[in-house]
Amino acid sequence: MSIVAGLSAPLFALVAAQAVVLAGVSGVYRGQWPERPWTPALAVVIGAVTCSAVAFLTAAFTPSPEMAQVTTFPFMLALIGAPLWVMGRDPAAIDWTGPAIPGGALAHLVRAAWGEPQVMVVPAVAAALVMAAVAIALAVRLFRWEPRF
């Protein structure tokens, strides 16, 4: 457990710092602050936990540090592409597929922060938590610490 905490701590610190800076810049630039500030905070926490779990999960399949970018690419592509797809569409037009894709539920939570009435927060939180739980369960089952020299 201490190995996981030690390796994940810098990720969580960096994510928290970036979230604070981006929230400040976004608030100043837009001239308005989120109506529901807890939804982007929840998205940041769940997203960081999910990404950390996926990092440990892909480490089980990565033979060398050089290959890490290759094994994480499919997840990162979905994590970046889904929010772009979700944010580019009308909230009422997005069905269950939006939150079901990694990052889609997080985009729903960020969109809900500014009070979009069509965005349903509970299904987005549930989908994000399920995604995080699956990633954690697979990482716990498959990750083995083996020092690589």
C-alpha atoms as a PDB file:
ATOM      1  CA  MET A   1       0.000   0.000   0.000  1.00  0.00           C
ATOM      2  CA  SER A   2       2.843   2.388   0.748  1.00  0.00           C
ATOM      3  CA  ILE A   3       4.245   1.839  -2.750  1.00  0.00           C
ATOM      4  CA  VAL A   4       0.924   2.791  -4.317  1.00  0.00           C
ATOM      5  CA  ALA A   5       0.552   5.837  -2.067  1.00  0.00           C
ATOM      6  CA  GLY A   6       4.110   6.960  -2.721  1.00  0.00           C
ATOM      7  CA  LEU A   7       3.768   6.636  -6.469  1.00  0.00           C
ATOM      8  CA  SER A   8       0.301   8.237  -6.572  1.00  0.00           C
ATOM      9  CA  ALA A   9       0.972  11.206  -4.277  1.00  0.00           C
ATOM     10  CA  PRO A  10       2.781  13.333  -6.905  1.00  0.00           C
ATOM     11  CA  LEU A  11      -0.061  12.695  -9.365  1.00  0.00           C
ATOM     12  CA  PHE A  12      -2.683  13.857  -6.863  1.00  0.00           C
ATOM     13  CA  ALA A  13      -0.646  16.926  -5.885  1.00  0.00           C
ATOM     14  CA  LEU A  14      -0.138  17.919  -9.530  1.00  0.00           C
ATOM     15  CA  VAL A  15      -3.807  17.353 -10.394  1.00  0.00           C
ATOM     16  CA  ALA A  16      -4.939  19.419  -7.403  1.00  0.00           C
ATOM     17  CA  ALA A  17      -2.601  22.283  -8.301  1.00  0.00           C
ATOM     18  CA  GLN A  18      -3.695  22.268 -11.944  1.00  0.00           C
ATOM     19  CA  ALA A  19      -7.366  22.163 -10.967  1.00  0.00           C
ATOM     20  CA  VAL A  20      -6.990  25.182  -8.695  1.00  0.00           C
ATOM     21  CA  VAL A  21      -5.151  27.178 -11.375  1.00  0.00           C
ATOM     22  CA  LEU A  22      -7.612  26.208 -14.120  1.00  0.00           C
ATOM     23  CA  ALA A  23     -10.610  26.967 -11.908  1.00  0.00           C
ATOM     24  CA  GLY A  24      -9.189  30.396 -11.113  1.00  0.00           C
ATOM     25  CA  VAL A  25      -8.392  31.208 -14.724  1.00  0.00           C
ATOM     26  CA  SER A  26     -11.777  29.911 -15.867  1.00  0.00           C
ATOM     27  CA  GLY A  27     -13.617  31.955 -13.246  1.00  0.00           C
ATOM     28  CA  VAL A  28     -11.757  35.132 -14.127  1.00  0.00           C
ATOM     29  CA  TYR A  29     -12.024  34.580 -17.888  1.00  0.00           C
ATOM     30  CA  ARG A  30     -15.724  33.664 -17.920  1.00  0.00           C
ATOM     31  CA  GLY A  31     -16.633  36.194 -15.266  1.00  0.00           C
ATOM     32  CA  GLN A  32     -18.755  33.672 -13.433  1.00  0.00           C
ATOM     33  CA  TRP A  33     -18.031  30.928 -10.979  1.00  0.00           C
ATOM     34  CA  PRO A  34     -19.663  27.502 -11.002  1.00  0.00           C
ATOM     35  CA  GLU A  35     -23.116  27.249  -9.486  1.00  0.00           C
ATOM     36  CA  ARG A  36     -22.226  23.772  -8.221  1.00  0.00           C
ATOM     37  CA  PRO A  37     -18.515  23.905  -7.365  1.00  0.00           C
ATOM     38  CA  TRP A  38     -18.610  20.419  -5.856  1.00  0.00           C
ATOM     39  CA  THR A  39     -19.197  18.762  -9.257  1.00  0.00           C
ATOM     40  CA  PRO A  40     -15.879  19.751 -10.872  1.00  0.00           C
ATOM     41  CA  ALA A  41     -14.095  18.978  -7.590  1.00  0.00           C
ATOM     42  CA  LEU A  42     -15.685  15.541  -7.602  1.00  0.00           C
ATOM     43  CA  ALA A  43     -14.719  15.098 -11.259  1.00  0.00           C
ATOM     44  CA  VAL A  44     -11.096  15.958 -10.439  1.00  0.00           C
ATOM     45  CA  VAL A  45     -10.938  13.496  -7.528  1.00  0.00           C
ATOM     46  CA  ILE A  46     -12.633  10.635  -9.380  1.00  0.00           C
ATOM     47  CA  GLY A  47     -10.583  11.321 -12.515  1.00  0.00           C
ATOM     48  CA  ALA A  48      -7.299  11.304 -10.598  1.00  0.00           C
ATOM     49  CA  VAL A  49      -8.182   8.065  -8.807  1.00  0.00           C
ATOM     50  CA  THR A  50      -9.214   6.426 -12.086  1.00  0.00           C
ATOM     51  CA  CYS A  51      -6.057   7.534 -13.897  1.00  0.00           C
ATOM     52  CA  SER A  52      -3.882   6.347 -11.029  1.00  0.00           C
ATOM     53  CA  ALA A  53      -5.595   2.949 -11.033  1.00  0.00           C
ATOM     54  CA  VAL A  54      -5.226   2.675 -14.805  1.00  0.00           C
ATOM     55  CA  ALA A  55      -1.533   3.530 -14.473  1.00  0.00           C
ATOM     56  CA  PHE A  56      -1.046   0.633 -12.082  1.00  0.00           C
ATOM     57  CA  LEU A  57      -3.199  -1.597 -14.262  1.00  0.00           C
ATOM     58  CA  THR A  58      -1.206  -0.896 -17.407  1.00  0.00           C
ATOM     59  CA  ALA A  59       2.041  -1.383 -15.478  1.00  0.00           C
ATOM     60  CA  ALA A  60       1.059  -5.041 -15.200  1.00  0.00           C
ATOM     61  CA  PHE A  61       1.211  -5.320 -19.000  1.00  0.00           C
ATOM     62  CA  THR A  62       4.086  -2.963 -19.757  1.00  0.00           C
ATOM     63  CA  PRO A  63       7.392  -4.758 -20.262  1.00  0.00           C
ATOM     64  CA  SER A  64       9.568  -1.620 -20.091  1.00  0.00           C
ATOM     65  CA  PRO A  65       9.302   2.073 -19.220  1.00  0.00           C
ATOM     66  CA  GLU A  66       9.642   2.939 -22.900  1.00  0.00           C
ATOM     67  CA  MET A  67       6.466   0.990 -23.700  1.00  0.00           C
ATOM     68  CA  ALA A  68       4.368   2.780 -21.052  1.00  0.00           C
ATOM     69  CA  GLN A  69       3.148   5.365 -23.527  1.00  0.00           C
ATOM     70  CA  VAL A  70       1.986   2.625 -25.876  1.00  0.00           C
ATOM     71  CA  THR A  71       0.028   0.625 -23.295  1.00  0.00           C
ATOM     72  CA  THR A  72      -1.729   3.693 -21.880  1.00  0.00           C
ATOM     73  CA  PHE A  73      -2.551   5.215 -25.285  1.00  0.00           C
ATOM     74  CA  PRO A  74      -5.996   3.594 -25.812  1.00  0.00           C
ATOM     75  CA  PHE A  75      -7.219   4.738 -22.395  1.00  0.00           C
ATOM     76  CA  MET A  76      -5.800   8.227 -22.823  1.00  0.00           C
ATOM     77  CA  LEU A  77      -7.353   8.519 -26.270  1.00  0.00           C
ATOM     78  CA  ALA A  78     -10.761   7.699 -24.800  1.00  0.00           C
ATOM     79  CA  LEU A  79     -10.129   9.952 -21.786  1.00  0.00           C
ATOM     80  CA  ILE A  80      -9.347  12.924 -24.024  1.00  0.00           C
ATOM     81  CA  GLY A  81     -11.762  12.167 -26.864  1.00  0.00           C
ATOM     82  CA  ALA A  82     -14.883  11.501 -24.800  1.00  0.00           C
ATOM     83  CA  PRO A  83     -14.998  14.918 -23.103  1.00  0.00           C
ATOM     84  CA  LEU A  84     -14.462  16.624 -26.445  1.00  0.00           C
ATOM     85  CA  TRP A  85     -17.341  14.628 -27.904  1.00  0.00           C
ATOM     86  CA  VAL A  86     -19.593  15.208 -24.880  1.00  0.00           C
ATOM     87  CA  MET A  87     -18.873  18.933 -24.570  1.00  0.00           C
ATOM     88  CA  GLY A  88     -19.415  19.478 -28.286  1.00  0.00           C
ATOM     89  CA  ARG A  89     -22.961  18.121 -28.238  1.00  0.00           C
ATOM     90  CA  ASP A  90     -26.236  19.378 -26.838  1.00  0.00           C
ATOM     91  CA  PRO A  91     -26.737  17.907 -23.323  1.00  0.00           C
ATOM     92  CA  ALA A  92     -30.239  16.741 -24.215  1.00  0.00           C
ATOM     93  CA  ALA A  93     -28.894  14.828 -27.233  1.00  0.00           C
ATOM     94  CA  ILE A  94     -26.437  12.717 -25.248  1.00  0.00           C
ATOM     95  CA  ASP A  95     -27.741   9.314 -24.283  1.00  0.00           C
ATOM     96  CA  TRP A  96     -26.160   6.714 -21.996  1.00  0.00           C
ATOM     97  CA  THR A  97     -23.062   6.396 -24.209  1.00  0.00           C
ATOM     98  CA  GLY A  98     -21.643   9.761 -23.132  1.00  0.00           C
ATOM     99  CA  PRO A  99     -21.106   8.910 -19.462  1.00  0.00           C
ATOM    100  CA  ALA A 100     -20.192   5.294 -20.291  1.00  0.00           C
ATOM    101  CA  ILE A 101     -16.961   6.297 -22.053  1.00  0.00           C
ATOM    102  CA  PRO A 102     -13.929   7.098 -19.849  1.00  0.00           C
ATOM    103  CA  GLY A 103     -13.946  10.838 -19.354  1.00  0.00           C
ATOM    104  CA  GLY A 104     -17.502  11.319 -20.579  1.00  0.00           C
ATOM    105  CA  ALA A 105     -18.969  11.272 -17.089  1.00  0.00           C
ATOM    106  CA  LEU A 106     -16.280  13.696 -15.928  1.00  0.00           C
ATOM    107  CA  ALA A 107     -17.225  16.079 -18.746  1.00  0.00           C
ATOM    108  CA  HIS A 108     -20.871  15.814 -17.655  1.00  0.00           C
ATOM    109  CA  LEU A 109     -19.867  16.794 -14.123  1.00  0.00           C
ATOM    110  CA  VAL A 110     -17.873  19.786 -15.322  1.00  0.00           C
ATOM    111  CA  ARG A 111     -20.744  20.866 -17.552  1.00  0.00           C
ATOM    112  CA  ALA A 112     -23.182  20.505 -14.646  1.00  0.00           C
ATOM    113  CA  ALA A 113     -21.064  22.871 -12.553  1.00  0.00           C
ATOM    114  CA  TRP A 114     -22.275  25.843 -14.547  1.00  0.00           C
ATOM    115  CA  GLY A 115     -25.905  24.883 -14.102  1.00  0.00           C
ATOM    116  CA  GLU A 116     -26.847  23.250 -17.397  1.00  0.00           C
ATOM    117  CA  PRO A 117     -30.358  22.028 -16.572  1.00  0.00           C
ATOM    118  CA  GLN A 118     -30.306  19.053 -18.950  1.00  0.00           C
ATOM    119  CA  VAL A 119     -27.242  17.486 -17.351  1.00  0.00           C
ATOM    120  CA  MET A 120     -28.164  14.812 -14.849  1.00  0.00           C
ATOM    121  CA  VAL A 121     -25.529  14.737 -12.120  1.00  0.00           C
ATOM    122  CA  VAL A 122     -26.386  11.468 -10.351  1.00  0.00           C
ATOM    123  CA  PRO A 123     -25.984   9.212 -13.423  1.00  0.00           C
ATOM    124  CA  ALA A 124     -22.700  10.945 -14.275  1.00  0.00           C
ATOM    125  CA  VAL A 125     -21.372  10.416 -10.735  1.00  0.00           C
ATOM    126  CA  ALA A 126     -22.533   6.793 -10.789  1.00  0.00           C
ATOM    127  CA  ALA A 127     -20.860   6.140 -14.151  1.00  0.00           C
ATOM    128  CA  ALA A 128     -17.609   7.776 -13.028  1.00  0.00           C
ATOM    129  CA  LEU A 129     -17.584   5.795  -9.781  1.00  0.00           C
ATOM    130  CA  VAL A 130     -18.237   2.533 -11.637  1.00  0.00           C
ATOM    131  CA  MET A 131     -15.376   3.315 -14.030  1.00  0.00           C
ATOM    132  CA  ALA A 132     -13.074   4.066 -11.087  1.00  0.00           C
ATOM    133  CA  ALA A 133     -14.156   0.935  -9.202  1.00  0.00           C
ATOM    134  CA  VAL A 134     -13.522  -1.291 -12.216  1.00  0.00           C
ATOM    135  CA  ALA A 135     -10.086   0.258 -12.759  1.00  0.00           C
ATOM    136  CA  ILE A 136      -9.202  -0.153  -9.069  1.00  0.00           C
ATOM    137  CA  ALA A 137     -10.431  -3.746  -8.946  1.00  0.00           C
ATOM    138  CA  LEU A 138      -8.444  -4.707 -12.040  1.00  0.00           C
ATOM    139  CA  ALA A 139      -5.350  -2.877 -10.815  1.00  0.00           C
ATOM    140  CA  VAL A 140      -5.499  -4.589  -7.413  1.00  0.00           C
ATOM    141  CA  ARG A 141      -5.896  -7.967  -9.068  1.00  0.00           C
ATOM    142  CA  LEU A 142      -3.206  -7.609 -11.751  1.00  0.00           C
ATOM    143  CA  PHE A 143      -0.546  -5.193 -10.430  1.00  0.00           C
ATOM    144  CA  ARG A 144       2.533  -6.793  -8.914  1.00  0.00           C
ATOM    145  CA  TRP A 145       5.481  -4.808  -7.688  1.00  0.00           C
ATOM    146  CA  GLU A 146       8.652  -5.999  -9.386  1.00  0.00           C
ATOM    147  CA  PRO A 147      11.610  -3.654  -9.294  1.00  0.00           C
ATOM    148  CA  ARG A 148      12.918  -3.128 -12.826  1.00  0.00           C
ATOM    149  CA  PHE A 149      16.607  -2.475 -13.133  1.00  0.00           C
END
